[in-house]
Amino acid sequence: MVYSIPDKRYFTIGEVSKLCGIKPHVLRYWEQEFSELQAIDRRSKRRYYQKKDVLLVLRIRGLLRDEGFTINGARLRLSETSEKTRPKSIMDHKAIEYKELMEILTILKGD
């Protein structure tokens, strides 16, 4: 299923609820169960979510409803996914930094 997420900075809990097809109380529960999902409390003491949070809610919803994962299973799957994108060692991290710096240097030289 393809979702159209508006291009805006913050979303209220009601907006995220409508966009993702889940009820607000479920969203609040998921905040407790998934540490990656963190609403921002602004001056008005209301929950606000960023676009990355909306995408995460859609991913969690897919894992739980479409793929049939339990809460624990979905939590494990999300942590596996984040570990795959994280550098495995300091040397991997340094190699990535070196490559990025070389690309910047090439751009600055104008080659």
PDB file of N, CA and C in Angstrom:
ATOM      1  N   MET A   1       0.840  -1.176   0.000  1.00  0.00           N
ATOM      2  CA  MET A   1       0.000   0.000   0.000  1.00  0.00           C
ATOM      3  C   MET A   1       0.889   1.245   0.000  1.00  0.00           C
ATOM      4  N   VAL A   2       0.559   2.206  -0.831  1.00  0.00           N
ATOM      5  CA  VAL A   2       1.345   3.425  -0.943  1.00  0.00           C
ATOM      6  C   VAL A   2       0.648   4.531  -0.154  1.00  0.00           C
ATOM      7  N   TYR A   3       1.421   5.194   0.682  1.00  0.00           N
ATOM      8  CA  TYR A   3       0.881   6.278   1.493  1.00  0.00           C
ATOM      9  C   TYR A   3       1.454   7.592   0.997  1.00  0.00           C
ATOM     10  N   SER A   4       0.624   8.615   0.982  1.00  0.00           N
ATOM     11  CA  SER A   4       1.076   9.945   0.607  1.00  0.00           C
ATOM     12  C   SER A   4       1.230  10.767   1.882  1.00  0.00           C
ATOM     13  N   ILE A   5       2.481  11.082   2.207  1.00  0.00           N
ATOM     14  CA  ILE A   5       2.766  11.839   3.421  1.00  0.00           C
ATOM     15  C   ILE A   5       3.002  13.293   3.022  1.00  0.00           C
ATOM     16  N   PRO A   6       2.219  14.218   3.560  1.00  0.00           N
ATOM     17  CA  PRO A   6       2.411  15.631   3.223  1.00  0.00           C
ATOM     18  C   PRO A   6       3.815  16.112   3.587  1.00  0.00           C
ATOM     19  N   ASP A   7       4.289  17.083   2.836  1.00  0.00           N
ATOM     20  CA  ASP A   7       5.623  17.624   3.075  1.00  0.00           C
ATOM     21  C   ASP A   7       5.522  18.749   4.105  1.00  0.00           C
ATOM     22  N   LYS A   8       5.569  18.373   5.372  1.00  0.00           N
ATOM     23  CA  LYS A   8       5.550  19.355   6.447  1.00  0.00           C
ATOM     24  C   LYS A   8       6.476  18.887   7.545  1.00  0.00           C
ATOM     25  N   ARG A   9       6.813  19.775   8.443  1.00  0.00           N
ATOM     26  CA  ARG A   9       7.824  19.475   9.458  1.00  0.00           C
ATOM     27  C   ARG A   9       7.288  18.635  10.613  1.00  0.00           C
ATOM     28  N   TYR A  10       6.124  18.985  11.118  1.00  0.00           N
ATOM     29  CA  TYR A  10       5.569  18.288  12.276  1.00  0.00           C
ATOM     30  C   TYR A  10       4.144  17.828  12.000  1.00  0.00           C
ATOM     31  N   PHE A  11       3.795  16.701  12.599  1.00  0.00           N
ATOM     32  CA  PHE A  11       2.462  16.132  12.480  1.00  0.00           C
ATOM     33  C   PHE A  11       1.907  15.908  13.880  1.00  0.00           C
ATOM     34  N   THR A  12       0.622  16.206  14.074  1.00  0.00           N
ATOM     35  CA  THR A  12      -0.011  15.937  15.367  1.00  0.00           C
ATOM     36  C   THR A  12      -0.325  14.445  15.455  1.00  0.00           C
ATOM     37  N   ILE A  13      -0.675  14.006  16.640  1.00  0.00           N
ATOM     38  CA  ILE A  13      -1.013  12.596  16.828  1.00  0.00           C
ATOM     39  C   ILE A  13      -2.246  12.227  16.002  1.00  0.00           C
ATOM     40  N   GLY A  14      -3.184  13.159  15.868  1.00  0.00           N
ATOM     41  CA  GLY A  14      -4.371  12.907  15.055  1.00  0.00           C
ATOM     42  C   GLY A  14      -4.039  12.758  13.580  1.00  0.00           C
ATOM     43  N   GLU A  15      -3.122  13.594  13.088  1.00  0.00           N
ATOM     44  CA  GLU A  15      -2.715  13.508  11.687  1.00  0.00           C
ATOM     45  C   GLU A  15      -1.999  12.187  11.400  1.00  0.00           C
ATOM     46  N   VAL A  16      -1.099  11.797  12.302  1.00  0.00           N
ATOM     47  CA  VAL A  16      -0.377  10.533  12.126  1.00  0.00           C
ATOM     48  C   VAL A  16      -1.357   9.373  12.188  1.00  0.00           C
ATOM     49  N   SER A  17      -2.312   9.467  13.085  1.00  0.00           N
ATOM     50  CA  SER A  17      -3.329   8.435  13.227  1.00  0.00           C
ATOM     51  C   SER A  17      -4.096   8.246  11.918  1.00  0.00           C
ATOM     52  N   LYS A  18      -4.525   9.343  11.309  1.00  0.00           N
ATOM     53  CA  LYS A  18      -5.268   9.266  10.048  1.00  0.00           C
ATOM     54  C   LYS A  18      -4.382   8.781   8.906  1.00  0.00           C
ATOM     55  N   LEU A  19      -3.154   9.316   8.830  1.00  0.00           N
ATOM     56  CA  LEU A  19      -2.240   8.922   7.755  1.00  0.00           C
ATOM     57  C   LEU A  19      -1.927   7.430   7.777  1.00  0.00           C
ATOM     58  N   CYS A  20      -1.772   6.887   8.973  1.00  0.00           N
ATOM     59  CA  CYS A  20      -1.316   5.500   9.123  1.00  0.00           C
ATOM     60  C   CYS A  20      -2.444   4.510   9.360  1.00  0.00           C
ATOM     61  N   GLY A  21      -3.648   5.018   9.580  1.00  0.00           N
ATOM     62  CA  GLY A  21      -4.785   4.131   9.790  1.00  0.00           C
ATOM     63  C   GLY A  21      -4.768   3.402  11.122  1.00  0.00           C
ATOM     64  N   ILE A  22      -4.277   4.083  12.150  1.00  0.00           N
ATOM     65  CA  ILE A  22      -4.288   3.504  13.496  1.00  0.00           C
ATOM     66  C   ILE A  22      -4.898   4.517  14.454  1.00  0.00           C
ATOM     67  N   LYS A  23      -5.357   4.054  15.588  1.00  0.00           N
ATOM     68  CA  LYS A  23      -5.973   4.954  16.568  1.00  0.00           C
ATOM     69  C   LYS A  23      -4.898   5.617  17.428  1.00  0.00           C
ATOM     70  N   PRO A  24      -5.185   6.827  17.933  1.00  0.00           N
ATOM     71  CA  PRO A  24      -4.194   7.541  18.747  1.00  0.00           C
ATOM     72  C   PRO A  24      -3.709   6.758  19.962  1.00  0.00           C
ATOM     73  N   HIS A  25      -4.597   5.995  20.619  1.00  0.00           N
ATOM     74  CA  HIS A  25      -4.147   5.253  21.798  1.00  0.00           C
ATOM     75  C   HIS A  25      -3.153   4.154  21.413  1.00  0.00           C
ATOM     76  N   VAL A  26      -3.290   3.611  20.210  1.00  0.00           N
ATOM     77  CA  VAL A  26      -2.334   2.605  19.729  1.00  0.00           C
ATOM     78  C   VAL A  26      -0.981   3.264  19.493  1.00  0.00           C
ATOM     79  N   LEU A  27      -1.008   4.451  18.934  1.00  0.00           N
ATOM     80  CA  LEU A  27       0.230   5.197  18.692  1.00  0.00           C
ATOM     81  C   LEU A  27       0.950   5.507  20.005  1.00  0.00           C
ATOM     82  N   ARG A  28       0.192   5.915  21.014  1.00  0.00           N
ATOM     83  CA  ARG A  28       0.801   6.182  22.328  1.00  0.00           C
ATOM     84  C   ARG A  28       1.388   4.905  22.928  1.00  0.00           C
ATOM     85  N   TYR A  29       0.711   3.782  22.736  1.00  0.00           N
ATOM     86  CA  TYR A  29       1.217   2.499  23.226  1.00  0.00           C
ATOM     87  C   TYR A  29       2.510   2.127  22.502  1.00  0.00           C
ATOM     88  N   TRP A  30       2.532   2.319  21.197  1.00  0.00           N
ATOM     89  CA  TRP A  30       3.742   1.999  20.433  1.00  0.00           C
ATOM     90  C   TRP A  30       4.924   2.854  20.873  1.00  0.00           C
ATOM     91  N   GLU A  31       4.659   4.080  21.288  1.00  0.00           N
ATOM     92  CA  GLU A  31       5.742   4.931  21.814  1.00  0.00           C
ATOM     93  C   GLU A  31       6.404   4.272  23.021  1.00  0.00           C
ATOM     94  N   GLN A  32       5.615   3.606  23.840  1.00  0.00           N
ATOM     95  CA  GLN A  32       6.156   2.930  25.022  1.00  0.00           C
ATOM     96  C   GLN A  32       6.915   1.664  24.642  1.00  0.00           C
ATOM     97  N   GLU A  33       6.469   0.991  23.600  1.00  0.00           N
ATOM     98  CA  GLU A  33       7.042  -0.304  23.223  1.00  0.00           C
ATOM     99  C   GLU A  33       8.253  -0.201  22.298  1.00  0.00           C
ATOM    100  N   PHE A  34       8.317   0.847  21.496  1.00  0.00           N
ATOM    101  CA  PHE A  34       9.398   1.002  20.520  1.00  0.00           C
ATOM    102  C   PHE A  34      10.196   2.258  20.854  1.00  0.00           C
ATOM    103  N   SER A  35      11.416   2.062  21.328  1.00  0.00           N
ATOM    104  CA  SER A  35      12.230   3.204  21.765  1.00  0.00           C
ATOM    105  C   SER A  35      12.591   4.132  20.609  1.00  0.00           C
ATOM    106  N   GLU A  36      12.574   3.615  19.391  1.00  0.00           N
ATOM    107  CA  GLU A  36      12.904   4.439  18.228  1.00  0.00           C
ATOM    108  C   GLU A  36      11.834   5.495  17.951  1.00  0.00           C
ATOM    109  N   LEU A  37      10.619   5.228  18.399  1.00  0.00           N
ATOM    110  CA  LEU A  37       9.491   6.123  18.146  1.00  0.00           C
ATOM    111  C   LEU A  37       9.365   7.111  19.296  1.00  0.00           C
ATOM    112  N   GLN A  38       9.695   8.355  19.039  1.00  0.00           N
ATOM    113  CA  GLN A  38       9.687   9.383  20.079  1.00  0.00           C
ATOM    114  C   GLN A  38       8.963  10.623  19.567  1.00  0.00           C
ATOM    115  N   ALA A  39       7.859  10.945  20.183  1.00  0.00           N
ATOM    116  CA  ALA A  39       7.158  12.178  19.839  1.00  0.00           C
ATOM    117  C   ALA A  39       7.886  13.354  20.471  1.00  0.00           C
ATOM    118  N   ILE A  40       7.736  14.504  19.849  1.00  0.00           N
ATOM    119  CA  ILE A  40       8.342  15.724  20.369  1.00  0.00           C
ATOM    120  C   ILE A  40       7.264  16.486  21.125  1.00  0.00           C
ATOM    121  N   ASP A  41       7.551  16.880  22.349  1.00  0.00           N
ATOM    122  CA  ASP A  41       6.621  17.723  23.104  1.00  0.00           C
ATOM    123  C   ASP A  41       7.027  19.165  22.896  1.00  0.00           C
ATOM    124  N   ARG A  42       6.128  19.932  22.345  1.00  0.00           N
ATOM    125  CA  ARG A  42       6.415  21.337  22.086  1.00  0.00           C
ATOM    126  C   ARG A  42       5.797  22.183  23.191  1.00  0.00           C
ATOM    127  N   ARG A  43       5.787  23.469  22.994  1.00  0.00           N
ATOM    128  CA  ARG A  43       5.299  24.408  24.021  1.00  0.00           C
ATOM    129  C   ARG A  43       3.890  24.094  24.512  1.00  0.00           C
ATOM    130  N   SER A  44       3.043  23.662  23.613  1.00  0.00           N
ATOM    131  CA  SER A  44       1.646  23.427  23.976  1.00  0.00           C
ATOM    132  C   SER A  44       1.429  22.079  24.659  1.00  0.00           C
ATOM    133  N   LYS A  45       2.501  21.347  24.925  1.00  0.00           N
ATOM    134  CA  LYS A  45       2.444  20.041  25.594  1.00  0.00           C
ATOM    135  C   LYS A  45       1.679  19.009  24.765  1.00  0.00           C
ATOM    136  N   ARG A  46       1.652  19.211  23.447  1.00  0.00           N
ATOM    137  CA  ARG A  46       1.027  18.247  22.552  1.00  0.00           C
ATOM    138  C   ARG A  46       2.111  17.424  21.884  1.00  0.00           C
ATOM    139  N   ARG A  47       1.764  16.203  21.511  1.00  0.00           N
ATOM    140  CA  ARG A  47       2.707  15.325  20.813  1.00  0.00           C
ATOM    141  C   ARG A  47       2.822  15.757  19.358  1.00  0.00           C
ATOM    142  N   TYR A  48       4.041  15.868  18.894  1.00  0.00           N
ATOM    143  CA  TYR A  48       4.293  16.136  17.486  1.00  0.00           C
ATOM    144  C   TYR A  48       5.285  15.112  16.970  1.00  0.00           C
ATOM    145  N   TYR A  49       5.065  14.681  15.749  1.00  0.00           N
ATOM    146  CA  TYR A  49       5.921  13.689  15.118  1.00  0.00           C
ATOM    147  C   TYR A  49       6.553  14.290  13.871  1.00  0.00           C
ATOM    148  N   GLN A  50       7.754  13.843  13.563  1.00  0.00           N
ATOM    149  CA  GLN A  50       8.420  14.263  12.341  1.00  0.00           C
ATOM    150  C   GLN A  50       8.143  13.226  11.258  1.00  0.00           C
ATOM    151  N   LYS A  51       8.519  13.556  10.027  1.00  0.00           N
ATOM    152  CA  LYS A  51       8.251  12.655   8.909  1.00  0.00           C
ATOM    153  C   LYS A  51       8.911  11.289   9.119  1.00  0.00           C
ATOM    154  N   LYS A  52      10.119  11.282   9.688  1.00  0.00           N
ATOM    155  CA  LYS A  52      10.808  10.007   9.943  1.00  0.00           C
ATOM    156  C   LYS A  52      10.005   9.141  10.913  1.00  0.00           C
ATOM    157  N   ASP A  53       9.312   9.789  11.851  1.00  0.00           N
ATOM    158  CA  ASP A  53       8.474   9.053  12.800  1.00  0.00           C
ATOM    159  C   ASP A  53       7.253   8.452  12.104  1.00  0.00           C
ATOM    160  N   VAL A  54       6.677   9.211  11.171  1.00  0.00           N
ATOM    161  CA  VAL A  54       5.523   8.706  10.419  1.00  0.00           C
ATOM    162  C   VAL A  54       5.938   7.477   9.611  1.00  0.00           C
ATOM    163  N   LEU A  55       7.114   7.548   8.983  1.00  0.00           N
ATOM    164  CA  LEU A  55       7.615   6.403   8.224  1.00  0.00           C
ATOM    165  C   LEU A  55       7.852   5.199   9.133  1.00  0.00           C
ATOM    166  N   LEU A  56       8.354   5.462  10.337  1.00  0.00           N
ATOM    167  CA  LEU A  56       8.578   4.386  11.303  1.00  0.00           C
ATOM    168  C   LEU A  56       7.251   3.768  11.747  1.00  0.00           C
ATOM    169  N   VAL A  57       6.246   4.593  11.970  1.00  0.00           N
ATOM    170  CA  VAL A  57       4.920   4.085  12.355  1.00  0.00           C
ATOM    171  C   VAL A  57       4.368   3.189  11.245  1.00  0.00           C
ATOM    172  N   LEU A  58       4.546   3.612  10.003  1.00  0.00           N
ATOM    173  CA  LEU A  58       4.086   2.787   8.887  1.00  0.00           C
ATOM    174  C   LEU A  58       4.843   1.461   8.834  1.00  0.00           C
ATOM    175  N   ARG A  59       6.136   1.503   9.129  1.00  0.00           N
ATOM    176  CA  ARG A  59       6.945   0.272   9.149  1.00  0.00           C
ATOM    177  C   ARG A  59       6.472  -0.658  10.271  1.00  0.00           C
ATOM    178  N   ILE A  60       6.244  -0.091  11.450  1.00  0.00           N
ATOM    179  CA  ILE A  60       5.765  -0.891  12.584  1.00  0.00           C
ATOM    180  C   ILE A  60       4.399  -1.495  12.262  1.00  0.00           C
ATOM    181  N   ARG A  61       3.529  -0.683  11.696  1.00  0.00           N
ATOM    182  CA  ARG A  61       2.194  -1.163  11.326  1.00  0.00           C
ATOM    183  C   ARG A  61       2.298  -2.324  10.345  1.00  0.00           C
ATOM    184  N   GLY A  62       3.184  -2.192   9.368  1.00  0.00           N
ATOM    185  CA  GLY A  62       3.379  -3.263   8.396  1.00  0.00           C
ATOM    186  C   GLY A  62       3.879  -4.545   9.041  1.00  0.00           C
ATOM    187  N   LEU A  63       4.827  -4.396   9.961  1.00  0.00           N
ATOM    188  CA  LEU A  63       5.360  -5.576  10.645  1.00  0.00           C
ATOM    189  C   LEU A  63       4.284  -6.267  11.478  1.00  0.00           C
ATOM    190  N   LEU A  64       3.500  -5.481  12.200  1.00  0.00           N
ATOM    191  CA  LEU A  64       2.504  -6.054  13.104  1.00  0.00           C
ATOM    192  C   LEU A  64       1.273  -6.576  12.371  1.00  0.00           C
ATOM    193  N   ARG A  65       0.752  -5.802  11.457  1.00  0.00           N
ATOM    194  CA  ARG A  65      -0.516  -6.177  10.825  1.00  0.00           C
ATOM    195  C   ARG A  65      -0.337  -6.994   9.556  1.00  0.00           C
ATOM    196  N   ASP A  66       0.572  -6.575   8.697  1.00  0.00           N
ATOM    197  CA  ASP A  66       0.710  -7.247   7.404  1.00  0.00           C
ATOM    198  C   ASP A  66       1.577  -8.499   7.485  1.00  0.00           C
ATOM    199  N   GLU A  67       2.676  -8.408   8.230  1.00  0.00           N
ATOM    200  CA  GLU A  67       3.611  -9.529   8.294  1.00  0.00           C
ATOM    201  C   GLU A  67       3.364 -10.437   9.501  1.00  0.00           C
ATOM    202  N   GLY A  68       2.481 -10.040  10.405  1.00  0.00           N
ATOM    203  CA  GLY A  68       2.086 -10.898  11.512  1.00  0.00           C
ATOM    204  C   GLY A  68       3.087 -11.014  12.655  1.00  0.00           C
ATOM    205  N   PHE A  69       3.974 -10.043  12.792  1.00  0.00           N
ATOM    206  CA  PHE A  69       4.938 -10.065  13.891  1.00  0.00           C
ATOM    207  C   PHE A  69       4.254  -9.730  15.213  1.00  0.00           C
ATOM    208  N   THR A  70       4.820 -10.215  16.299  1.00  0.00           N
ATOM    209  CA  THR A  70       4.412  -9.776  17.629  1.00  0.00           C
ATOM    210  C   THR A  70       5.150  -8.473  17.920  1.00  0.00           C
ATOM    211  N   ILE A  71       4.815  -7.823  19.033  1.00  0.00           N
ATOM    212  CA  ILE A  71       5.525  -6.601  19.426  1.00  0.00           C
ATOM    213  C   ILE A  71       7.016  -6.900  19.580  1.00  0.00           C
ATOM    214  N   ASN A  72       7.347  -7.980  20.287  1.00  0.00           N
ATOM    215  CA  ASN A  72       8.759  -8.333  20.481  1.00  0.00           C
ATOM    216  C   ASN A  72       9.443  -8.653  19.161  1.00  0.00           C
ATOM    217  N   GLY A  73       8.759  -9.371  18.294  1.00  0.00           N
ATOM    218  CA  GLY A  73       9.325  -9.707  16.990  1.00  0.00           C
ATOM    219  C   GLY A  73       9.575  -8.473  16.143  1.00  0.00           C
ATOM    220  N   ALA A  74       8.620  -7.542  16.161  1.00  0.00           N
ATOM    221  CA  ALA A  74       8.783  -6.296  15.404  1.00  0.00           C
ATOM    222  C   ALA A  74       9.934  -5.474  15.970  1.00  0.00           C
ATOM    223  N   ARG A  75      10.047  -5.454  17.296  1.00  0.00           N
ATOM    224  CA  ARG A  75      11.140  -4.722  17.938  1.00  0.00           C
ATOM    225  C   ARG A  75      12.493  -5.300  17.503  1.00  0.00           C
ATOM    226  N   LEU A  76      12.584  -6.628  17.484  1.00  0.00           N
ATOM    227  CA  LEU A  76      13.821  -7.284  17.051  1.00  0.00           C
ATOM    228  C   LEU A  76      14.120  -7.000  15.581  1.00  0.00           C
ATOM    229  N   ARG A  77      13.104  -7.049  14.741  1.00  0.00           N
ATOM    230  CA  ARG A  77      13.304  -6.789  13.313  1.00  0.00           C
ATOM    231  C   ARG A  77      13.791  -5.359  13.082  1.00  0.00           C
ATOM    232  N   LEU A  78      13.221  -4.405  13.805  1.00  0.00           N
ATOM    233  CA  LEU A  78      13.660  -3.016  13.669  1.00  0.00           C
ATOM    234  C   LEU A  78      15.100  -2.847  14.130  1.00  0.00           C
ATOM    235  N   SER A  79      15.482  -3.517  15.206  1.00  0.00           N
ATOM    236  CA  SER A  79      16.860  -3.386  15.692  1.00  0.00           C
ATOM    237  C   SER A  79      17.829  -4.056  14.725  1.00  0.00           C
ATOM    238  N   GLU A  80      17.431  -5.168  14.093  1.00  0.00           N
ATOM    239  CA  GLU A  80      18.279  -5.814  13.089  1.00  0.00           C
ATOM    240  C   GLU A  80      18.489  -4.893  11.902  1.00  0.00           C
ATOM    241  N   THR A  81      17.429  -4.224  11.477  1.00  0.00           N
ATOM    242  CA  THR A  81      17.516  -3.313  10.346  1.00  0.00           C
ATOM    243  C   THR A  81      18.449  -2.155  10.654  1.00  0.00           C
ATOM    244  N   SER A  82      18.345  -1.586  11.865  1.00  0.00           N
ATOM    245  CA  SER A  82      19.203  -0.451  12.209  1.00  0.00           C
ATOM    246  C   SER A  82      20.653  -0.888  12.370  1.00  0.00           C
ATOM    247  N   GLU A  83      20.889  -2.127  12.809  1.00  0.00           N
ATOM    248  CA  GLU A  83      22.257  -2.621  12.941  1.00  0.00           C
ATOM    249  C   GLU A  83      22.905  -2.837  11.584  1.00  0.00           C
ATOM    250  N   LYS A  84      22.117  -3.198  10.582  1.00  0.00           N
ATOM    251  CA  LYS A  84      22.669  -3.407   9.244  1.00  0.00           C
ATOM    252  C   LYS A  84      23.149  -2.101   8.629  1.00  0.00           C
ATOM    253  N   THR A  85      22.511  -1.000   8.963  1.00  0.00           N
ATOM    254  CA  THR A  85      22.905   0.283   8.399  1.00  0.00           C
ATOM    255  C   THR A  85      24.026   0.936   9.181  1.00  0.00           C
ATOM    256  N   ARG A  86      24.320   0.428  10.360  1.00  0.00           N
ATOM    257  CA  ARG A  86      25.369   0.969  11.211  1.00  0.00           C
ATOM    258  C   ARG A  86      26.709   0.340  10.837  1.00  0.00           C
ATOM    259  N   PRO A  87      27.804   1.115  10.801  1.00  0.00           N
ATOM    260  CA  PRO A  87      29.113   0.527  10.510  1.00  0.00           C
ATOM    261  C   PRO A  87      29.459  -0.550  11.534  1.00  0.00           C
ATOM    262  N   LYS A  88      30.075  -1.641  11.072  1.00  0.00           N
ATOM    263  CA  LYS A  88      30.383  -2.768  11.937  1.00  0.00           C
ATOM    264  C   LYS A  88      31.540  -2.483  12.886  1.00  0.00           C
ATOM    265  N   SER A  89      32.478  -1.674  12.461  1.00  0.00           N
ATOM    266  CA  SER A  89      33.637  -1.423  13.305  1.00  0.00           C
ATOM    267  C   SER A  89      34.121   0.000  13.101  1.00  0.00           C
ATOM    268  N   ILE A  90      35.084   0.366  13.904  1.00  0.00           N
ATOM    269  CA  ILE A  90      35.679   1.697  13.769  1.00  0.00           C
ATOM    270  C   ILE A  90      36.343   1.828  12.406  1.00  0.00           C
ATOM    271  N   MET A  91      36.977   0.762  11.940  1.00  0.00           N
ATOM    272  CA  MET A  91      37.639   0.808  10.631  1.00  0.00           C
ATOM    273  C   MET A  91      36.625   1.019   9.509  1.00  0.00           C
ATOM    274  N   ASP A  92      35.474   0.379   9.591  1.00  0.00           N
ATOM    275  CA  ASP A  92      34.431   0.596   8.594  1.00  0.00           C
ATOM    276  C   ASP A  92      33.977   2.049   8.622  1.00  0.00           C
ATOM    277  N   HIS A  93      33.817   2.574   9.822  1.00  0.00           N
ATOM    278  CA  HIS A  93      33.396   3.960   9.982  1.00  0.00           C
ATOM    279  C   HIS A  93      34.438   4.904   9.383  1.00  0.00           C
ATOM    280  N   LYS A  94      35.700   4.642   9.657  1.00  0.00           N
ATOM    281  CA  LYS A  94      36.784   5.478   9.117  1.00  0.00           C
ATOM    282  C   LYS A  94      36.840   5.373   7.597  1.00  0.00           C
ATOM    283  N   ALA A  95      36.617   4.190   7.054  1.00  0.00           N
ATOM    284  CA  ALA A  95      36.630   4.014   5.602  1.00  0.00           C
ATOM    285  C   ALA A  95      35.503   4.812   4.951  1.00  0.00           C
ATOM    286  N   ILE A  96      34.343   4.819   5.582  1.00  0.00           N
ATOM    287  CA  ILE A  96      33.215   5.595   5.064  1.00  0.00           C
ATOM    288  C   ILE A  96      33.539   7.084   5.123  1.00  0.00           C
ATOM    289  N   GLU A  97      34.101   7.546   6.240  1.00  0.00           N
ATOM    290  CA  GLU A  97      34.486   8.954   6.368  1.00  0.00           C
ATOM    291  C   GLU A  97      35.512   9.334   5.310  1.00  0.00           C
ATOM    292  N   TYR A  98      36.502   8.471   5.101  1.00  0.00           N
ATOM    293  CA  TYR A  98      37.551   8.741   4.116  1.00  0.00           C
ATOM    294  C   TYR A  98      36.944   8.884   2.721  1.00  0.00           C
ATOM    295  N   LYS A  99      36.051   7.974   2.363  1.00  0.00           N
ATOM    296  CA  LYS A  99      35.412   8.021   1.051  1.00  0.00           C
ATOM    297  C   LYS A  99      34.624   9.320   0.880  1.00  0.00           C
ATOM    298  N   GLU A 100      33.878   9.717   1.911  1.00  0.00           N
ATOM    299  CA  GLU A 100      33.101  10.958   1.845  1.00  0.00           C
ATOM    300  C   GLU A 100      34.008  12.171   1.706  1.00  0.00           C
ATOM    301  N   LEU A 101      35.118  12.181   2.452  1.00  0.00           N
ATOM    302  CA  LEU A 101      36.055  13.301   2.362  1.00  0.00           C
ATOM    303  C   LEU A 101      36.706  13.372   0.985  1.00  0.00           C
ATOM    304  N   MET A 102      37.027  12.239   0.406  1.00  0.00           N
ATOM    305  CA  MET A 102      37.612  12.225  -0.935  1.00  0.00           C
ATOM    306  C   MET A 102      36.617  12.750  -1.969  1.00  0.00           C
ATOM    307  N   GLU A 103      35.341  12.415  -1.811  1.00  0.00           N
ATOM    308  CA  GLU A 103      34.317  12.931  -2.717  1.00  0.00           C
ATOM    309  C   GLU A 103      34.193  14.445  -2.589  1.00  0.00           C
ATOM    310  N   ILE A 104      34.247  14.947  -1.364  1.00  0.00           N
ATOM    311  CA  ILE A 104      34.186  16.396  -1.135  1.00  0.00           C
ATOM    312  C   ILE A 104      35.397  17.073  -1.752  1.00  0.00           C
ATOM    313  N   LEU A 105      36.572  16.487  -1.575  1.00  0.00           N
ATOM    314  CA  LEU A 105      37.804  17.042  -2.142  1.00  0.00           C
ATOM    315  C   LEU A 105      37.722  17.097  -3.663  1.00  0.00           C
ATOM    316  N   THR A 106      37.187  16.060  -4.271  1.00  0.00           N
ATOM    317  CA  THR A 106      37.033  16.029  -5.725  1.00  0.00           C
ATOM    318  C   THR A 106      36.094  17.139  -6.187  1.00  0.00           C
ATOM    319  N   ILE A 107      35.026  17.341  -5.459  1.00  0.00           N
ATOM    320  CA  ILE A 107      34.073  18.402  -5.805  1.00  0.00           C
ATOM    321  C   ILE A 107      34.730  19.769  -5.675  1.00  0.00           C
ATOM    322  N   LEU A 108      35.473  19.974  -4.600  1.00  0.00           N
ATOM    323  CA  LEU A 108      36.129  21.264  -4.376  1.00  0.00           C
ATOM    324  C   LEU A 108      37.196  21.556  -5.425  1.00  0.00           C
ATOM    325  N   LYS A 109      37.896  20.521  -5.881  1.00  0.00           N
ATOM    326  CA  LYS A 109      38.917  20.706  -6.915  1.00  0.00           C
ATOM    327  C   LYS A 109      38.286  20.994  -8.267  1.00  0.00           C
ATOM    328  N   GLY A 110      37.040  20.594  -8.428  1.00  0.00           N
ATOM    329  CA  GLY A 110      36.330  20.861  -9.668  1.00  0.00           C
ATOM    330  C   GLY A 110      36.645  19.881 -10.774  1.00  0.00           C
ATOM    331  N   ASP A 111      37.096  18.706 -10.428  1.00  0.00           N
ATOM    332  CA  ASP A 111      37.426  17.683 -11.444  1.00  0.00           C
ATOM    333  C   ASP A 111      36.188  16.999 -11.923  1.00  0.00           C
TER     334      ASP A 111
END
